[in-house]
C-alpha cells in the first residue's frame, strides 16, 4: 500500500483544479487495469550460486559457458492505474496518471544458494526482483464528446521508475521466513501519448479502453533494464465524472 500511495500526489494537480472545473466543465477520477510490454534486453544476471569474481547479481552474457548466468526478463504482467482528468473546457483539459505493478516480478529465475553442507538444516534462497511504474502529467484533447461517448487524445511528460530489491527466503527445517532488501533503482524521463474512448454506461459512470506509448530514454538497451525505450501499454479505466460534459 505504501508503494502505491507514493504515486498518488501526482493527482494533486487535478485536485487543485476542481473548484474551477466544477463551475466550468467536468472532473474525472479513474481506476485502471492493464499491462505494458517490453522485450528482454538479451543480457543476463548472475544468480546466487555464481562462481564469478563479480559476485551474485552482476551482469553477464547468457551461454553454456556460464550455467549461473540467467537471461534478464521481458516487461509484462499486471499493472494497476490511478488517474484524474480536469476538462477546463469542453474539448481541452489536463490530467495526471500513475501506472504501477502491485507485485514485484523476478528479474531472472529463482535459484537456491545453499549456505551449509549437505545435511545441514539451513538454506537461503536469493532472488533479484523489480517493480515497474510510469507516472505522467498530460494535456488532453477531446475532438468528439457526446452524452454517450468521448474520444480522448492525451500527451505529456513524467517518469519511468524501475525499483529493484533482493528477496531472501530463509528456512530452518520446515520453518521459513522471507525478507526484502531494497537495491538502487533506475529512474528515467518519460514522454507519454495515449488515445482512449470513454463509453458512458450512465450519466456519470464510464469505461475507457486506452492505448498508450511511453518513451523513456535509458530504459532500453543491453546495459539497461529492458530491450527498448519505447513501451506500448494498454489499460481499461473505470471512472466517475463530476460536473457537466
Protein backbone atom coordinates (compact mmCIF):
# COMPACT_ATOMS: atom_id res chain seq x y z
CA UNK A 1 0.00 0.00 0.00
CA UNK A 2 2.87 2.42 0.80
CA UNK A 3 4.35 1.74 -2.62
CA UNK A 4 1.08 2.58 -4.37
CA UNK A 5 0.45 5.69 -2.25
CA UNK A 6 3.76 7.24 -3.26
CA UNK A 7 2.27 7.90 -6.71
CA UNK A 8 -0.97 9.48 -5.52
CA UNK A 9 0.50 13.01 -5.03
CA UNK A 10 0.76 13.30 -8.81
CA UNK A 11 -3.02 13.72 -8.80
CA UNK A 12 -2.73 16.87 -6.67
CA UNK A 13 -2.67 18.92 -9.87
CA UNK A 14 -6.14 17.60 -10.67
CA UNK A 15 -7.46 18.30 -7.18
CA UNK A 16 -6.22 21.90 -7.27
CA UNK A 17 -8.28 22.49 -10.40
CA UNK A 18 -11.51 21.02 -9.04
CA UNK A 19 -13.06 24.31 -7.75
CA UNK A 20 -12.57 25.96 -11.15
CA UNK A 21 -13.53 22.93 -13.22
CA UNK A 22 -16.70 22.18 -11.28
CA UNK A 23 -18.09 25.52 -12.40
CA UNK A 24 -16.90 25.12 -15.99
CA UNK A 25 -16.93 21.52 -17.16
CA UNK A 26 -16.08 18.11 -15.64
CA UNK A 27 -13.69 16.26 -13.34
CA UNK A 28 -13.00 12.54 -13.82
CA UNK A 29 -11.46 10.09 -11.36
CA UNK A 30 -10.44 6.63 -12.58
CA UNK A 31 -9.07 3.27 -11.54
CA UNK A 32 -7.37 1.26 -14.28
CA UNK A 33 -6.32 -2.31 -15.02
CA UNK A 34 -3.94 -3.34 -17.79
CA UNK A 35 -0.39 -4.18 -18.84
CA UNK A 36 2.75 -2.82 -20.51
CA UNK A 37 5.27 -4.69 -22.61
CA UNK A 38 8.98 -4.50 -23.42
CA UNK A 39 11.20 -7.39 -24.57
CA UNK A 40 14.26 -8.66 -22.72
CA UNK A 41 17.49 -6.80 -23.39
CA UNK A 42 19.24 -10.13 -24.11
CA UNK A 43 21.77 -9.67 -21.32
CA UNK A 44 21.99 -11.72 -18.16
CA UNK A 45 22.38 -11.55 -14.38
CA UNK A 46 24.48 -13.92 -12.24
CA UNK A 47 22.38 -15.88 -9.78
CA UNK A 48 23.27 -16.50 -6.15
CA UNK A 49 25.25 -19.68 -6.97
CA UNK A 50 27.67 -17.94 -9.31
CA UNK A 51 31.39 -18.66 -9.31
CA UNK A 52 32.09 -15.30 -10.97
CA UNK A 53 34.57 -13.00 -9.24
CA UNK A 54 32.00 -10.20 -9.71
CA UNK A 55 29.58 -11.99 -7.40
CA UNK A 56 25.78 -12.56 -7.44
CA UNK A 57 23.53 -10.19 -9.42
CA UNK A 58 26.39 -8.87 -11.55
CA UNK A 59 25.90 -8.61 -15.32
CA UNK A 60 26.86 -11.47 -17.60
CA UNK A 61 26.35 -12.89 -21.10
CA UNK A 62 23.96 -15.87 -21.23
CA UNK A 63 25.50 -19.03 -22.68
CA UNK A 64 26.52 -22.59 -21.94
CA UNK A 65 29.90 -21.47 -20.58
CA UNK A 66 28.22 -19.89 -17.55
CA UNK A 67 25.37 -22.02 -16.23
CA UNK A 68 24.66 -19.48 -13.49
CA UNK A 69 24.02 -16.61 -15.92
CA UNK A 70 20.26 -16.12 -16.22
CA UNK A 71 18.67 -14.15 -19.05
CA UNK A 72 17.02 -10.91 -17.97
CA UNK A 73 13.21 -10.90 -18.21
CA UNK A 74 10.84 -9.06 -20.50
CA UNK A 75 8.47 -6.47 -19.08
CA UNK A 76 4.85 -7.56 -18.74
CA UNK A 77 2.30 -8.63 -16.20
CA UNK A 78 -0.48 -6.79 -14.43
CA UNK A 79 -0.47 -3.01 -13.90
CA UNK A 80 -2.79 -1.03 -11.64
CA UNK A 81 -3.55 2.58 -12.58
CA UNK A 82 -4.75 5.74 -10.83
CA UNK A 83 -5.79 8.74 -12.88
CA UNK A 84 -7.64 12.03 -12.80
CA UNK A 85 -8.72 14.48 -15.52
CA UNK A 86 -9.98 18.05 -15.37
CA UNK A 87 -11.73 19.28 -18.52
CA UNK A 88 -11.31 23.04 -18.23
CA UNK A 89 -13.28 23.46 -21.44
CA UNK A 90 -15.47 21.08 -23.44
CA UNK A 91 -12.60 19.84 -25.62
CA UNK A 92 -9.43 20.72 -23.66
CA UNK A 93 -8.16 19.78 -20.24
CA UNK A 94 -5.30 18.43 -18.13
CA UNK A 95 -4.77 15.19 -16.28
CA UNK A 96 -2.34 13.01 -14.36
CA UNK A 97 -1.87 9.27 -14.10
CA UNK A 98 0.27 6.66 -12.36
CA UNK A 99 0.53 3.04 -13.55
CA UNK A 100 2.36 0.61 -11.26
CA UNK A 101 2.87 -3.12 -10.86
CA UNK A 102 1.30 -4.01 -7.49
CA UNK A 103 3.51 -7.10 -7.13
CA UNK A 104 7.23 -7.41 -7.69
CA UNK A 105 8.39 -9.66 -10.54
CA UNK A 106 11.51 -11.81 -10.73
CA UNK A 107 14.43 -10.30 -12.60
CA UNK A 108 15.73 -13.72 -13.63
CA UNK A 109 14.98 -17.23 -12.39
CA UNK A 110 14.96 -18.02 -8.69
CA UNK A 111 17.81 -20.35 -7.68
CA UNK A 112 18.65 -21.56 -4.15
CA UNK A 113 22.06 -20.82 -2.64
CA UNK A 114 22.96 -23.41 -0.03
CA UNK A 115 24.75 -21.85 2.90
CA UNK A 116 25.59 -25.11 4.63
CA UNK A 117 26.92 -28.51 3.63
CA UNK A 118 24.58 -31.29 2.57
CA UNK A 119 22.61 -32.45 5.58
CA UNK A 120 22.83 -29.12 7.43
CA UNK A 121 19.45 -27.70 8.46
CA UNK A 122 19.67 -24.18 6.99
CA UNK A 123 19.43 -22.86 3.41
CA UNK A 124 18.80 -19.47 1.85
CA UNK A 125 17.21 -18.55 -1.46
CA UNK A 126 18.07 -15.19 -3.01
CA UNK A 127 16.14 -13.56 -5.84
CA UNK A 128 16.59 -10.24 -7.60
CA UNK A 129 13.11 -8.71 -8.08
CA UNK A 130 11.76 -5.48 -9.56
CA UNK A 131 8.64 -3.34 -9.81
CA UNK A 132 7.99 -1.08 -12.82
CA UNK A 133 5.91 2.11 -12.80
CA UNK A 134 5.10 5.04 -15.08
CA UNK A 135 3.71 8.42 -14.00
CA UNK A 136 2.77 11.37 -16.18
CA UNK A 137 1.08 14.78 -16.33
CA UNK A 138 -0.83 15.23 -19.59
CA UNK A 139 -2.62 17.72 -21.79
CA UNK A 140 -5.99 16.39 -23.03
CA UNK A 141 -7.88 16.94 -26.27
CA UNK A 142 -11.39 15.52 -26.83
CA UNK A 143 -12.28 16.12 -30.50
CA UNK A 144 -15.53 14.17 -30.07
CA UNK A 145 -17.61 14.45 -26.90
CA UNK A 146 -21.26 13.41 -26.58
CA UNK A 147 -23.51 12.18 -23.78
CA UNK A 148 -22.67 8.56 -24.60
CA UNK A 149 -19.00 8.64 -25.60
CA UNK A 150 -15.87 10.77 -25.80
CA UNK A 151 -12.72 10.26 -27.85
CA UNK A 152 -9.70 11.30 -25.79
CA UNK A 153 -6.18 12.12 -27.03
CA UNK A 154 -3.51 12.95 -24.49
CA UNK A 155 0.20 13.65 -24.32
CA UNK A 156 2.60 14.70 -21.62
CA UNK A 157 5.75 14.07 -19.64
CA UNK A 158 6.68 12.27 -16.45
CA UNK A 159 8.93 9.44 -15.33
CA UNK A 160 9.58 5.71 -15.55
CA UNK A 161 10.76 4.03 -12.36
CA UNK A 162 12.28 0.54 -12.06
CA UNK A 163 12.60 -0.36 -8.40
CA UNK A 164 14.98 -3.26 -7.63
CA UNK A 165 15.22 -5.34 -4.45
CA UNK A 166 16.67 -8.63 -3.25
CA UNK A 167 14.16 -11.12 -1.87
CA UNK A 168 15.61 -13.60 0.60
CA UNK A 169 13.84 -16.72 1.80
CA UNK A 170 15.46 -18.44 4.79
CA UNK A 171 14.46 -21.87 6.02
CA UNK A 172 15.37 -23.91 9.09
CA UNK A 173 13.70 -27.24 8.71
CA UNK A 174 10.09 -26.57 7.73
CA UNK A 175 10.07 -23.05 9.22
CA UNK A 176 10.68 -20.35 6.59
CA UNK A 177 10.72 -16.56 6.55
CA UNK A 178 11.13 -14.00 3.77
CA UNK A 179 12.55 -10.50 3.62
CA UNK A 180 13.07 -7.70 1.09
CA UNK A 181 16.24 -5.62 0.87
CA UNK A 182 15.93 -2.54 -1.40
CA UNK A 183 18.58 -2.07 -4.08
CA UNK A 184 19.47 1.01 -6.19
CA UNK A 185 16.64 1.85 -8.58
CA UNK A 186 16.60 3.24 -12.11
CA UNK A 187 14.70 6.43 -12.98
CA UNK A 188 14.14 7.79 -16.47
CA UNK A 189 12.42 10.76 -18.08
CA UNK A 190 9.19 9.64 -19.79
CA UNK A 191 7.25 11.04 -22.76
CA UNK A 192 3.69 9.72 -22.90
CA UNK A 193 0.98 9.71 -25.58
CA UNK A 194 -2.36 7.92 -25.40
CA UNK A 195 -5.71 7.50 -27.10
CA UNK A 196 -8.86 6.24 -25.38
CA UNK A 197 -12.59 6.00 -25.91
CA UNK A 198 -14.84 6.75 -22.93
CA UNK A 199 -18.15 4.88 -23.05
CA UNK A 200 -20.73 6.20 -20.58
CA UNK A 201 -22.85 3.44 -19.05
CA UNK A 202 -24.79 6.03 -17.05
CA UNK A 203 -24.79 9.80 -16.71
CA UNK A 204 -21.60 9.75 -14.64
CA UNK A 205 -20.01 6.26 -14.78
CA UNK A 206 -17.88 5.31 -17.76
CA UNK A 207 -15.44 2.70 -19.07
CA UNK A 208 -12.43 3.82 -21.11
CA UNK A 209 -10.26 1.33 -23.06
CA UNK A 210 -7.00 3.15 -23.77
CA UNK A 211 -3.78 2.50 -25.71
CA UNK A 212 -0.59 4.23 -24.54
CA UNK A 213 3.01 4.64 -25.62
CA UNK A 214 5.79 5.51 -23.19
CA UNK A 215 9.16 6.70 -24.48
CA UNK A 216 11.78 6.57 -21.71
CA UNK A 217 15.38 7.18 -22.85
CA UNK A 218 17.72 4.87 -20.97
CA UNK A 219 15.11 2.24 -20.14
CA UNK A 220 16.12 0.03 -23.09
CA UNK A 221 19.47 -1.36 -24.23
CA UNK A 222 21.83 -4.18 -23.35
CA UNK A 223 23.17 -2.25 -20.34
CA UNK A 224 19.74 -1.06 -19.19
CA UNK A 225 16.60 -2.71 -17.81
CA UNK A 226 14.80 -3.89 -20.95
CA UNK A 227 15.12 -4.02 -24.75
CA UNK A 228 13.54 -0.78 -25.97
CA UNK A 229 12.98 2.78 -24.82
CA UNK A 230 9.51 2.61 -26.42
CA UNK A 231 6.97 0.76 -24.27
CA UNK A 232 3.40 0.09 -25.52
CA UNK A 233 0.72 -0.30 -22.86
CA UNK A 234 -2.99 -0.94 -22.65
CA UNK A 235 -5.39 -0.03 -19.85
CA UNK A 236 -9.10 -0.30 -19.16
CA UNK A 237 -10.19 2.58 -16.93
CA UNK A 238 -13.34 2.60 -14.83
CA UNK A 239 -14.27 6.12 -13.85
CA UNK A 240 -16.76 8.58 -12.44
CA UNK A 241 -17.34 12.04 -13.94
CA UNK A 242 -18.39 15.05 -11.86
CA UNK A 243 -19.96 18.15 -13.40
CA UNK A 244 -21.25 18.90 -16.87
CA UNK A 245 -20.00 17.32 -20.06
